[in-house]
Amino acid sequence: MLYNFLMTLSRFVRLLPYDVLLFSGKILGNLYYLLIKKQRERAVSQMMPALNVSEGEARRLVKLSFINLARNVLDILYMPNLNEKNLSKYIEIDHLERMRDALAEGHGVVVLTGHIGTWEWLSAAFSLNGMPVTAIAKMQPNAEYSRVLDDLRATIHVEIFNRGTNELRAAGRALKEGKILGFLADQDAGPGGAFIKFLGKTASTPMGPAVFSRRFNAPVLPAFILRKEDGRHLVKIGEPVHFEDTGDTDDDLFNFTVKMTKILEDVIRENPTQWLWFQKRWNTPLDMKKEGKHHTVKVREKSKDEPEATE
């Protein structure tokens, strides 16, 4: 029932002029800020020390982030309207040639990104320009909601590997086939992550981008989609980053993850209203870290298509 409701809602949203959709998102975002106290207060409490701002300023920025989130949700429902011919009407892409050059290396490309802007549309910027896009996605608590997301992603030609479904092997094959593999690298990684300072506080950080880059010799390309003042989007593609192998795998993975975390952090600081401040980014306490050098990962060799394990 939820699946049918959301897909019907998507069909309705796609009938709206885009400016009406943006205005609707502003109304819904303000309502969300007023009604969802738990997430609002968590966002404010996490933003204040991270950005060193007052409570009043944090509340102002968090309200704007809720508006952006509401617009993101409507954008996802609107996503089937995107195609190769109208993409430039909604998305401007800065330095697309960096992605083409990275793909030309022949080892696939690991995209480093986060829950910034309408991150689901970032895939469209590449897939609708004829580039093969894959991503590892977390299954939603509700299976019907996950099915809706996967079906909407399919309309922009994105291949999704859901966690818990042999996704590591599939992702490895994607890189070997020269495809793009996207990572949302701003989530809590649990006890097996790398414990790194993130926005001023130690956080368990995902090492997937570093592990895949090392295993498949794939360049990492930072790419973020940001909402512009007119409500449309700008995709900013950074310079490629390559894994540096000094012979100490634990050190190399940790240092590479630190470098990528700094990239993410800088984008969030520059665009504070476009990140999900209420997510439980610092959920894993430092005393839950696993043993091992740097308390990151213990590496062991796997099959040709599978990266190293994280435990």
C-alpha atoms as a PDB file:
ATOM      1  CA  MET A   1       0.000   0.000   0.000  1.00  0.00           C
ATOM      2  CA  LEU A   2       2.820   2.422   0.870  1.00  0.00           C
ATOM      3  CA  TYR A   3       4.519   1.646  -2.431  1.00  0.00           C
ATOM      4  CA  ASN A   4       1.393   2.456  -4.437  1.00  0.00           C
ATOM      5  CA  PHE A   5       0.791   5.642  -2.436  1.00  0.00           C
ATOM      6  CA  LEU A   6       4.324   6.959  -2.935  1.00  0.00           C
ATOM      7  CA  MET A   7       4.419   6.116  -6.639  1.00  0.00           C
ATOM      8  CA  THR A   8       1.043   7.840  -7.096  1.00  0.00           C
ATOM      9  CA  LEU A   9       2.405  10.829  -5.191  1.00  0.00           C
ATOM     10  CA  SER A  10       5.403  10.823  -7.502  1.00  0.00           C
ATOM     11  CA  ARG A  11       3.140  10.946 -10.552  1.00  0.00           C
ATOM     12  CA  PHE A  12       1.286  13.913  -9.047  1.00  0.00           C
ATOM     13  CA  VAL A  13       4.496  15.766  -8.121  1.00  0.00           C
ATOM     14  CA  ARG A  14       5.821  15.300 -11.657  1.00  0.00           C
ATOM     15  CA  LEU A  15       2.840  17.244 -12.993  1.00  0.00           C
ATOM     16  CA  LEU A  16       3.819  20.357 -11.038  1.00  0.00           C
ATOM     17  CA  PRO A  17       5.884  23.183 -12.520  1.00  0.00           C
ATOM     18  CA  TYR A  18       9.287  23.017 -10.870  1.00  0.00           C
ATOM     19  CA  ASP A  19       8.931  26.436  -9.247  1.00  0.00           C
ATOM     20  CA  VAL A  20       5.698  25.254  -7.611  1.00  0.00           C
ATOM     21  CA  LEU A  21       7.556  22.208  -6.325  1.00  0.00           C
ATOM     22  CA  LEU A  22      10.226  24.472  -4.792  1.00  0.00           C
ATOM     23  CA  PHE A  23       7.588  26.659  -3.119  1.00  0.00           C
ATOM     24  CA  SER A  24       5.824  23.563  -1.771  1.00  0.00           C
ATOM     25  CA  GLY A  25       9.130  22.377  -0.347  1.00  0.00           C
ATOM     26  CA  LYS A  26       9.566  25.650   1.500  1.00  0.00           C
ATOM     27  CA  ILE A  27       6.153  25.293   3.155  1.00  0.00           C
ATOM     28  CA  LEU A  28       6.709  21.635   4.053  1.00  0.00           C
ATOM     29  CA  GLY A  29      10.208  22.346   5.384  1.00  0.00           C
ATOM     30  CA  ASN A  30       8.928  25.046   7.719  1.00  0.00           C
ATOM     31  CA  LEU A  31       6.206  22.703   8.969  1.00  0.00           C
ATOM     32  CA  TYR A  32       8.731  19.927   9.485  1.00  0.00           C
ATOM     33  CA  TYR A  33      10.943  22.257  11.515  1.00  0.00           C
ATOM     34  CA  LEU A  34       8.019  23.215  13.756  1.00  0.00           C
ATOM     35  CA  LEU A  35       6.584  19.739  14.243  1.00  0.00           C
ATOM     36  CA  ILE A  36       9.552  17.359  14.458  1.00  0.00           C
ATOM     37  CA  LYS A  37      11.098  18.473  17.730  1.00  0.00           C
ATOM     38  CA  LYS A  38      13.474  15.542  18.313  1.00  0.00           C
ATOM     39  CA  GLN A  39      15.314  15.885  15.012  1.00  0.00           C
ATOM     40  CA  ARG A  40      15.241  19.693  15.182  1.00  0.00           C
ATOM     41  CA  GLU A  41      16.839  19.802  18.620  1.00  0.00           C
ATOM     42  CA  ARG A  42      19.436  17.170  17.722  1.00  0.00           C
ATOM     43  CA  ALA A  43      20.382  19.185  14.636  1.00  0.00           C
ATOM     44  CA  VAL A  44      20.730  22.396  16.630  1.00  0.00           C
ATOM     45  CA  SER A  45      22.776  20.756  19.394  1.00  0.00           C
ATOM     46  CA  GLN A  46      25.137  19.159  16.875  1.00  0.00           C
ATOM     47  CA  MET A  47      25.543  22.258  14.735  1.00  0.00           C
ATOM     48  CA  MET A  48      26.426  24.689  17.537  1.00  0.00           C
ATOM     49  CA  PRO A  49      29.793  23.171  18.525  1.00  0.00           C
ATOM     50  CA  ALA A  50      30.595  21.950  15.005  1.00  0.00           C
ATOM     51  CA  LEU A  51      30.339  25.430  13.474  1.00  0.00           C
ATOM     52  CA  ASN A  52      30.952  27.400  16.671  1.00  0.00           C
ATOM     53  CA  VAL A  53      27.721  29.374  16.259  1.00  0.00           C
ATOM     54  CA  SER A  54      25.155  30.644  18.730  1.00  0.00           C
ATOM     55  CA  GLU A  55      21.910  28.813  19.403  1.00  0.00           C
ATOM     56  CA  GLY A  56      19.965  31.490  17.523  1.00  0.00           C
ATOM     57  CA  GLU A  57      22.168  31.189  14.453  1.00  0.00           C
ATOM     58  CA  ALA A  58      22.040  27.411  14.618  1.00  0.00           C
ATOM     59  CA  ARG A  59      18.239  27.479  14.672  1.00  0.00           C
ATOM     60  CA  ARG A  60      18.175  29.790  11.662  1.00  0.00           C
ATOM     61  CA  LEU A  61      20.504  27.527   9.688  1.00  0.00           C
ATOM     62  CA  VAL A  62      18.746  24.342  10.750  1.00  0.00           C
ATOM     63  CA  LYS A  63      15.398  25.731   9.603  1.00  0.00           C
ATOM     64  CA  LEU A  64      16.911  26.407   6.182  1.00  0.00           C
ATOM     65  CA  SER A  65      18.328  22.880   6.140  1.00  0.00           C
ATOM     66  CA  PHE A  66      14.851  21.476   6.826  1.00  0.00           C
ATOM     67  CA  ILE A  67      13.500  23.451   3.875  1.00  0.00           C
ATOM     68  CA  ASN A  68      16.262  22.035   1.720  1.00  0.00           C
ATOM     69  CA  LEU A  69      15.464  18.520   2.947  1.00  0.00           C
ATOM     70  CA  ALA A  70      11.773  18.892   2.090  1.00  0.00           C
ATOM     71  CA  ARG A  71      12.733  20.068  -1.381  1.00  0.00           C
ATOM     72  CA  ASN A  72      15.070  17.080  -1.666  1.00  0.00           C
ATOM     73  CA  VAL A  73      12.222  14.681  -0.932  1.00  0.00           C
ATOM     74  CA  LEU A  74      10.058  16.304  -3.592  1.00  0.00           C
ATOM     75  CA  ASP A  75      13.002  16.226  -5.999  1.00  0.00           C
ATOM     76  CA  ILE A  76      13.322  12.471  -5.493  1.00  0.00           C
ATOM     77  CA  LEU A  77       9.637  12.005  -6.321  1.00  0.00           C
ATOM     78  CA  TYR A  78      10.149  14.286  -9.339  1.00  0.00           C
ATOM     79  CA  MET A  79      13.223  12.373 -10.533  1.00  0.00           C
ATOM     80  CA  PRO A  80      11.558  10.364 -13.348  1.00  0.00           C
ATOM     81  CA  ASN A  81      11.052  13.678 -15.186  1.00  0.00           C
ATOM     82  CA  LEU A  82      14.804  13.994 -15.674  1.00  0.00           C
ATOM     83  CA  ASN A  83      16.243  12.891 -18.989  1.00  0.00           C
ATOM     84  CA  GLU A  84      19.188  13.495 -21.286  1.00  0.00           C
ATOM     85  CA  LYS A  85      17.454  16.372 -23.078  1.00  0.00           C
ATOM     86  CA  ASN A  86      16.278  18.450 -20.114  1.00  0.00           C
ATOM     87  CA  LEU A  87      19.061  17.749 -17.592  1.00  0.00           C
ATOM     88  CA  SER A  88      20.711  21.140 -18.089  1.00  0.00           C
ATOM     89  CA  LYS A  89      17.435  22.848 -17.155  1.00  0.00           C
ATOM     90  CA  TYR A  90      17.812  21.532 -13.611  1.00  0.00           C
ATOM     91  CA  ILE A  91      21.502  20.744 -13.102  1.00  0.00           C
ATOM     92  CA  GLU A  92      24.645  22.690 -13.959  1.00  0.00           C
ATOM     93  CA  ILE A  93      27.844  20.627 -13.891  1.00  0.00           C
ATOM     94  CA  ASP A  94      31.236  22.105 -13.107  1.00  0.00           C
ATOM     95  CA  HIS A  95      34.244  20.219 -14.545  1.00  0.00           C
ATOM     96  CA  LEU A  96      32.483  17.184 -16.012  1.00  0.00           C
ATOM     97  CA  GLU A  97      35.701  16.545 -17.922  1.00  0.00           C
ATOM     98  CA  ARG A  98      37.307  15.450 -14.647  1.00  0.00           C
ATOM     99  CA  MET A  99      34.916  12.519 -14.496  1.00  0.00           C
ATOM    100  CA  ARG A 100      35.507  11.645 -18.150  1.00  0.00           C
ATOM    101  CA  ASP A 101      39.277  11.736 -17.601  1.00  0.00           C
ATOM    102  CA  ALA A 102      39.028   9.625 -14.440  1.00  0.00           C
ATOM    103  CA  LEU A 103      36.920   7.000 -16.238  1.00  0.00           C
ATOM    104  CA  ALA A 104      39.442   6.973 -19.066  1.00  0.00           C
ATOM    105  CA  GLU A 105      42.053   5.583 -16.646  1.00  0.00           C
ATOM    106  CA  GLY A 106      40.170   2.291 -16.977  1.00  0.00           C
ATOM    107  CA  HIS A 107      39.866   1.306 -13.303  1.00  0.00           C
ATOM    108  CA  GLY A 108      36.424   2.684 -12.558  1.00  0.00           C
ATOM    109  CA  VAL A 109      35.870   5.729 -10.350  1.00  0.00           C
ATOM    110  CA  VAL A 110      35.029   5.915  -6.648  1.00  0.00           C
ATOM    111  CA  VAL A 111      32.835   8.972  -6.050  1.00  0.00           C
ATOM    112  CA  LEU A 112      33.207  10.572  -2.643  1.00  0.00           C
ATOM    113  CA  THR A 113      30.053  12.405  -1.586  1.00  0.00           C
ATOM    114  CA  GLY A 114      27.657  12.795   1.328  1.00  0.00           C
ATOM    115  CA  HIS A 115      24.133  13.691   2.393  1.00  0.00           C
ATOM    116  CA  ILE A 116      24.543  17.147   0.906  1.00  0.00           C
ATOM    117  CA  GLY A 117      22.013  18.807  -1.385  1.00  0.00           C
ATOM    118  CA  THR A 118      19.772  16.458  -3.365  1.00  0.00           C
ATOM    119  CA  TRP A 119      22.335  13.657  -3.361  1.00  0.00           C
ATOM    120  CA  GLU A 120      20.084  11.302  -5.348  1.00  0.00           C
ATOM    121  CA  TRP A 121      20.277  13.723  -8.276  1.00  0.00           C
ATOM    122  CA  LEU A 122      24.063  13.588  -8.287  1.00  0.00           C
ATOM    123  CA  SER A 123      23.842  10.205 -10.002  1.00  0.00           C
ATOM    124  CA  ALA A 124      21.657  11.722 -12.723  1.00  0.00           C
ATOM    125  CA  ALA A 125      24.354  14.275 -13.536  1.00  0.00           C
ATOM    126  CA  PHE A 126      26.568  11.386 -14.636  1.00  0.00           C
ATOM    127  CA  SER A 127      24.159   8.681 -15.805  1.00  0.00           C
ATOM    128  CA  LEU A 128      22.227  11.065 -18.072  1.00  0.00           C
ATOM    129  CA  ASN A 129      25.536  12.087 -19.599  1.00  0.00           C
ATOM    130  CA  GLY A 130      26.076   8.511 -20.717  1.00  0.00           C
ATOM    131  CA  MET A 131      28.257   7.308 -17.842  1.00  0.00           C
ATOM    132  CA  PRO A 132      27.647   3.995 -16.019  1.00  0.00           C
ATOM    133  CA  VAL A 133      26.685   4.722 -12.397  1.00  0.00           C
ATOM    134  CA  THR A 134      26.400   2.310  -9.482  1.00  0.00           C
ATOM    135  CA  ALA A 135      26.082   2.894  -5.753  1.00  0.00           C
ATOM    136  CA  ILE A 136      25.930   0.989  -2.488  1.00  0.00           C
ATOM    137  CA  ALA A 137      22.722   1.902  -0.654  1.00  0.00           C
ATOM    138  CA  LYS A 138      21.441   1.205   2.827  1.00  0.00           C
ATOM    139  CA  MET A 139      18.165  -0.677   2.952  1.00  0.00           C
ATOM    140  CA  GLN A 140      15.377   1.400   4.476  1.00  0.00           C
ATOM    141  CA  PRO A 141      13.529   0.065   7.544  1.00  0.00           C
ATOM    142  CA  ASN A 142      10.412  -0.250   5.397  1.00  0.00           C
ATOM    143  CA  ALA A 143      10.938  -2.590   2.428  1.00  0.00           C
ATOM    144  CA  GLU A 144       8.271  -0.827   0.365  1.00  0.00           C
ATOM    145  CA  TYR A 145      10.062   2.490   0.791  1.00  0.00           C
ATOM    146  CA  SER A 146      13.308   0.870  -0.374  1.00  0.00           C
ATOM    147  CA  ARG A 147      11.483  -0.491  -3.396  1.00  0.00           C
ATOM    148  CA  VAL A 148      10.164   2.987  -4.240  1.00  0.00           C
ATOM    149  CA  LEU A 149      13.663   4.455  -4.038  1.00  0.00           C
ATOM    150  CA  ASP A 150      15.146   1.715  -6.202  1.00  0.00           C
ATOM    151  CA  ASP A 151      12.424   2.117  -8.837  1.00  0.00           C
ATOM    152  CA  LEU A 152      12.866   5.895  -8.928  1.00  0.00           C
ATOM    153  CA  ARG A 153      16.646   5.493  -9.199  1.00  0.00           C
ATOM    154  CA  ALA A 154      16.158   3.096 -12.082  1.00  0.00           C
ATOM    155  CA  THR A 155      14.478   5.875 -14.093  1.00  0.00           C
ATOM    156  CA  ILE A 156      17.836   7.673 -14.216  1.00  0.00           C
ATOM    157  CA  HIS A 157      19.710   4.433 -15.040  1.00  0.00           C
ATOM    158  CA  VAL A 158      21.473   3.914 -11.707  1.00  0.00           C
ATOM    159  CA  GLU A 159      22.380   0.392 -10.574  1.00  0.00           C
ATOM    160  CA  ILE A 160      21.975  -0.046  -6.816  1.00  0.00           C
ATOM    161  CA  PHE A 161      23.717  -2.620  -4.618  1.00  0.00           C
ATOM    162  CA  ASN A 162      21.741  -2.893  -1.387  1.00  0.00           C
ATOM    163  CA  ARG A 163      23.703  -3.650   1.766  1.00  0.00           C
ATOM    164  CA  GLY A 164      23.381  -7.201   2.979  1.00  0.00           C
ATOM    165  CA  THR A 165      22.981  -8.593  -0.541  1.00  0.00           C
ATOM    166  CA  ASN A 166      26.561  -9.520  -1.531  1.00  0.00           C
ATOM    167  CA  GLU A 167      27.066  -5.853  -2.361  1.00  0.00           C
ATOM    168  CA  LEU A 168      30.851  -5.845  -1.919  1.00  0.00           C
ATOM    169  CA  ARG A 169      31.419  -8.396  -4.644  1.00  0.00           C
ATOM    170  CA  ALA A 170      28.991  -6.609  -6.992  1.00  0.00           C
ATOM    171  CA  ALA A 171      30.620  -3.238  -6.315  1.00  0.00           C
ATOM    172  CA  GLY A 172      34.047  -4.694  -7.005  1.00  0.00           C
ATOM    173  CA  ARG A 173      32.861  -6.037 -10.345  1.00  0.00           C
ATOM    174  CA  ALA A 174      31.442  -2.618 -11.197  1.00  0.00           C
ATOM    175  CA  LEU A 175      34.837  -0.980 -10.740  1.00  0.00           C
ATOM    176  CA  LYS A 176      36.564  -3.723 -12.723  1.00  0.00           C
ATOM    177  CA  GLU A 177      34.103  -2.992 -15.532  1.00  0.00           C
ATOM    178  CA  GLY A 178      35.072   0.683 -15.465  1.00  0.00           C
ATOM    179  CA  LYS A 179      31.912   2.016 -13.841  1.00  0.00           C
ATOM    180  CA  ILE A 180      31.317   4.783 -11.287  1.00  0.00           C
ATOM    181  CA  LEU A 181      30.789   3.604  -7.709  1.00  0.00           C
ATOM    182  CA  GLY A 182      29.250   6.177  -5.380  1.00  0.00           C
ATOM    183  CA  PHE A 183      29.752   6.359  -1.615  1.00  0.00           C
ATOM    184  CA  LEU A 184      27.892   8.456   0.957  1.00  0.00           C
ATOM    185  CA  ALA A 185      30.852   8.733   3.284  1.00  0.00           C
ATOM    186  CA  ASP A 186      29.375  10.942   6.011  1.00  0.00           C
ATOM    187  CA  GLN A 187      27.543   8.284   8.040  1.00  0.00           C
ATOM    188  CA  ASP A 188      28.486   6.681  11.341  1.00  0.00           C
ATOM    189  CA  ALA A 189      30.511   3.553  10.522  1.00  0.00           C
ATOM    190  CA  GLY A 190      30.137   1.716  13.827  1.00  0.00           C
ATOM    191  CA  PRO A 191      32.964   0.079  15.818  1.00  0.00           C
ATOM    192  CA  GLY A 192      34.843  -0.956  12.660  1.00  0.00           C
ATOM    193  CA  GLY A 193      35.278   2.544  11.255  1.00  0.00           C
ATOM    194  CA  ALA A 194      38.237   4.889  11.438  1.00  0.00           C
ATOM    195  CA  PHE A 195      37.928   7.208  14.433  1.00  0.00           C
ATOM    196  CA  ILE A 196      38.709  10.628  12.981  1.00  0.00           C
ATOM    197  CA  LYS A 197      37.918  14.199  13.974  1.00  0.00           C
ATOM    198  CA  PHE A 198      34.896  15.350  11.976  1.00  0.00           C
ATOM    199  CA  LEU A 199      33.552  18.868  12.470  1.00  0.00           C
ATOM    200  CA  GLY A 200      35.468  19.112  15.718  1.00  0.00           C
ATOM    201  CA  LYS A 201      34.420  15.815  17.305  1.00  0.00           C
ATOM    202  CA  THR A 202      35.779  12.301  16.878  1.00  0.00           C
ATOM    203  CA  ALA A 203      33.505  10.175  14.709  1.00  0.00           C
ATOM    204  CA  SER A 204      33.568   6.635  13.388  1.00  0.00           C
ATOM    205  CA  THR A 205      34.211   7.162   9.692  1.00  0.00           C
ATOM    206  CA  PRO A 206      33.492   4.827   6.736  1.00  0.00           C
ATOM    207  CA  MET A 207      36.603   3.466   5.038  1.00  0.00           C
ATOM    208  CA  GLY A 208      34.856   2.094   1.967  1.00  0.00           C
ATOM    209  CA  PRO A 209      36.182   4.703  -0.484  1.00  0.00           C
ATOM    210  CA  ALA A 210      39.773   4.104   0.655  1.00  0.00           C
ATOM    211  CA  VAL A 211      39.420   0.302   0.635  1.00  0.00           C
ATOM    212  CA  PHE A 212      37.909   0.172  -2.863  1.00  0.00           C
ATOM    213  CA  SER A 213      40.359   2.716  -4.242  1.00  0.00           C
ATOM    214  CA  ARG A 214      43.300   0.679  -2.965  1.00  0.00           C
ATOM    215  CA  ARG A 215      41.961  -2.705  -4.037  1.00  0.00           C
ATOM    216  CA  PHE A 216      41.055  -1.704  -7.590  1.00  0.00           C
ATOM    217  CA  ASN A 217      43.510   1.142  -8.223  1.00  0.00           C
ATOM    218  CA  ALA A 218      40.518   3.416  -8.820  1.00  0.00           C
ATOM    219  CA  PRO A 219      40.790   7.197  -8.512  1.00  0.00           C
ATOM    220  CA  VAL A 220      38.551   8.875  -5.948  1.00  0.00           C
ATOM    221  CA  LEU A 221      36.628  11.833  -7.318  1.00  0.00           C
ATOM    222  CA  PRO A 222      34.977  14.206  -4.813  1.00  0.00           C
ATOM    223  CA  ALA A 223      31.591  15.275  -6.210  1.00  0.00           C
ATOM    224  CA  PHE A 224      28.791  17.184  -4.521  1.00  0.00           C
ATOM    225  CA  ILE A 225      25.446  18.545  -5.658  1.00  0.00           C
ATOM    226  CA  LEU A 226      24.510  21.904  -4.161  1.00  0.00           C
ATOM    227  CA  ARG A 227      21.233  23.776  -4.422  1.00  0.00           C
ATOM    228  CA  LYS A 228      21.629  27.239  -5.912  1.00  0.00           C
ATOM    229  CA  GLU A 229      19.692  30.322  -4.861  1.00  0.00           C
ATOM    230  CA  ASP A 230      17.186  29.813  -7.681  1.00  0.00           C
ATOM    231  CA  GLY A 231      16.451  26.292  -6.415  1.00  0.00           C
ATOM    232  CA  ARG A 232      18.229  24.515  -9.233  1.00  0.00           C
ATOM    233  CA  HIS A 233      21.400  22.505  -8.706  1.00  0.00           C
ATOM    234  CA  LEU A 234      25.143  22.807  -9.205  1.00  0.00           C
ATOM    235  CA  VAL A 235      27.358  19.727  -9.322  1.00  0.00           C
ATOM    236  CA  LYS A 236      30.916  20.496  -8.257  1.00  0.00           C
ATOM    237  CA  ILE A 237      33.523  17.904  -9.206  1.00  0.00           C
ATOM    238  CA  GLY A 238      36.878  18.138  -7.480  1.00  0.00           C
ATOM    239  CA  GLU A 239      40.320  17.025  -8.518  1.00  0.00           C
ATOM    240  CA  PRO A 240      40.868  13.248  -8.490  1.00  0.00           C
ATOM    241  CA  VAL A 241      42.630  11.773  -5.459  1.00  0.00           C
ATOM    242  CA  HIS A 242      44.699   8.610  -5.780  1.00  0.00           C
ATOM    243  CA  PHE A 243      45.515   6.117  -3.061  1.00  0.00           C
ATOM    244  CA  GLU A 244      49.139   6.340  -1.929  1.00  0.00           C
ATOM    245  CA  ASP A 245      50.657   2.971  -1.104  1.00  0.00           C
ATOM    246  CA  THR A 246      53.682   3.229   1.227  1.00  0.00           C
ATOM    247  CA  GLY A 247      53.635  -0.428   2.182  1.00  0.00           C
ATOM    248  CA  ASP A 248      51.849   0.067   5.502  1.00  0.00           C
ATOM    249  CA  THR A 249      48.257  -0.759   4.580  1.00  0.00           C
ATOM    250  CA  ASP A 250      46.650   0.268   7.873  1.00  0.00           C
ATOM    251  CA  ASP A 251      48.440   3.619   7.888  1.00  0.00           C
ATOM    252  CA  ASP A 252      47.697   4.236   4.227  1.00  0.00           C
ATOM    253  CA  LEU A 253      43.980   3.473   4.558  1.00  0.00           C
ATOM    254  CA  PHE A 254      43.707   5.622   7.664  1.00  0.00           C
ATOM    255  CA  ASN A 255      45.571   8.602   6.179  1.00  0.00           C
ATOM    256  CA  PHE A 256      43.606   8.428   2.936  1.00  0.00           C
ATOM    257  CA  THR A 257      40.356   8.396   4.901  1.00  0.00           C
ATOM    258  CA  VAL A 258      41.532  11.428   6.887  1.00  0.00           C
ATOM    259  CA  LYS A 259      42.196  13.268   3.621  1.00  0.00           C
ATOM    260  CA  MET A 260      38.738  12.459   2.240  1.00  0.00           C
ATOM    261  CA  THR A 261      37.048  13.327   5.539  1.00  0.00           C
ATOM    262  CA  LYS A 262      38.626  16.783   5.368  1.00  0.00           C
ATOM    263  CA  ILE A 263      37.175  17.260   1.877  1.00  0.00           C
ATOM    264  CA  LEU A 264      33.693  16.392   3.141  1.00  0.00           C
ATOM    265  CA  GLU A 265      34.085  18.601   6.175  1.00  0.00           C
ATOM    266  CA  ASP A 266      35.097  21.610   4.095  1.00  0.00           C
ATOM    267  CA  VAL A 267      32.052  21.261   1.821  1.00  0.00           C
ATOM    268  CA  ILE A 268      29.712  21.041   4.821  1.00  0.00           C
ATOM    269  CA  ARG A 269      31.239  24.103   6.467  1.00  0.00           C
ATOM    270  CA  GLU A 270      30.850  26.060   3.237  1.00  0.00           C
ATOM    271  CA  ASN A 271      27.242  24.872   2.759  1.00  0.00           C
ATOM    272  CA  PRO A 272      25.838  24.312   6.271  1.00  0.00           C
ATOM    273  CA  THR A 273      22.174  24.528   5.242  1.00  0.00           C
ATOM    274  CA  GLN A 274      22.529  21.615   2.828  1.00  0.00           C
ATOM    275  CA  TRP A 275      23.700  18.851   5.160  1.00  0.00           C
ATOM    276  CA  LEU A 276      21.591  16.534   7.332  1.00  0.00           C
ATOM    277  CA  TRP A 277      22.516  17.866  10.752  1.00  0.00           C
ATOM    278  CA  PHE A 278      20.120  15.591  12.610  1.00  0.00           C
ATOM    279  CA  GLN A 279      21.704  12.339  11.447  1.00  0.00           C
ATOM    280  CA  LYS A 280      23.454  10.366  14.180  1.00  0.00           C
ATOM    281  CA  ARG A 281      26.922  11.030  12.798  1.00  0.00           C
ATOM    282  CA  TRP A 282      28.672  10.725  16.182  1.00  0.00           C
ATOM    283  CA  ASN A 283      26.635   7.769  17.406  1.00  0.00           C
ATOM    284  CA  THR A 284      29.517   5.339  18.051  1.00  0.00           C
ATOM    285  CA  PRO A 285      31.558   6.310  21.133  1.00  0.00           C
ATOM    286  CA  LEU A 286      35.317   6.046  20.997  1.00  0.00           C
ATOM    287  CA  ASP A 287      35.357   3.332  23.650  1.00  0.00           C
ATOM    288  CA  MET A 288      33.568   0.986  21.201  1.00  0.00           C
ATOM    289  CA  LYS A 289      36.449   1.025  18.726  1.00  0.00           C
ATOM    290  CA  LYS A 290      37.845  -2.298  17.588  1.00  0.00           C
ATOM    291  CA  GLU A 291      41.376  -3.314  18.370  1.00  0.00           C
ATOM    292  CA  GLY A 292      44.034  -2.921  15.725  1.00  0.00           C
ATOM    293  CA  LYS A 293      46.401  -0.325  14.405  1.00  0.00           C
ATOM    294  CA  HIS A 294      44.755   3.118  14.456  1.00  0.00           C
ATOM    295  CA  HIS A 295      41.643   1.202  15.580  1.00  0.00           C
ATOM    296  CA  THR A 296      40.525   1.112  11.961  1.00  0.00           C
ATOM    297  CA  VAL A 297      40.448  -2.143  10.026  1.00  0.00           C
ATOM    298  CA  LYS A 298      42.336  -5.383   9.918  1.00  0.00           C
ATOM    299  CA  VAL A 299      43.049  -6.166   6.301  1.00  0.00           C
ATOM    300  CA  ARG A 300      42.949  -9.591   4.771  1.00  0.00           C
ATOM    301  CA  GLU A 301      43.004 -10.606   1.127  1.00  0.00           C
ATOM    302  CA  LYS A 302      39.774 -11.626  -0.533  1.00  0.00           C
ATOM    303  CA  SER A 303      38.755 -12.759  -3.985  1.00  0.00           C
ATOM    304  CA  LYS A 304      39.538 -10.643  -7.002  1.00  0.00           C
ATOM    305  CA  ASP A 305      36.119  -9.002  -7.010  1.00  0.00           C
ATOM    306  CA  GLU A 306      35.865  -8.317  -3.275  1.00  0.00           C
ATOM    307  CA  PRO A 307      37.647  -5.665  -1.212  1.00  0.00           C
ATOM    308  CA  GLU A 308      39.252  -6.284   2.146  1.00  0.00           C
ATOM    309  CA  ALA A 309      36.988  -7.004   5.082  1.00  0.00           C
ATOM    310  CA  THR A 310      36.428  -4.363   7.718  1.00  0.00           C
ATOM    311  CA  GLU A 311      36.741  -6.708  10.622  1.00  0.00           C
END
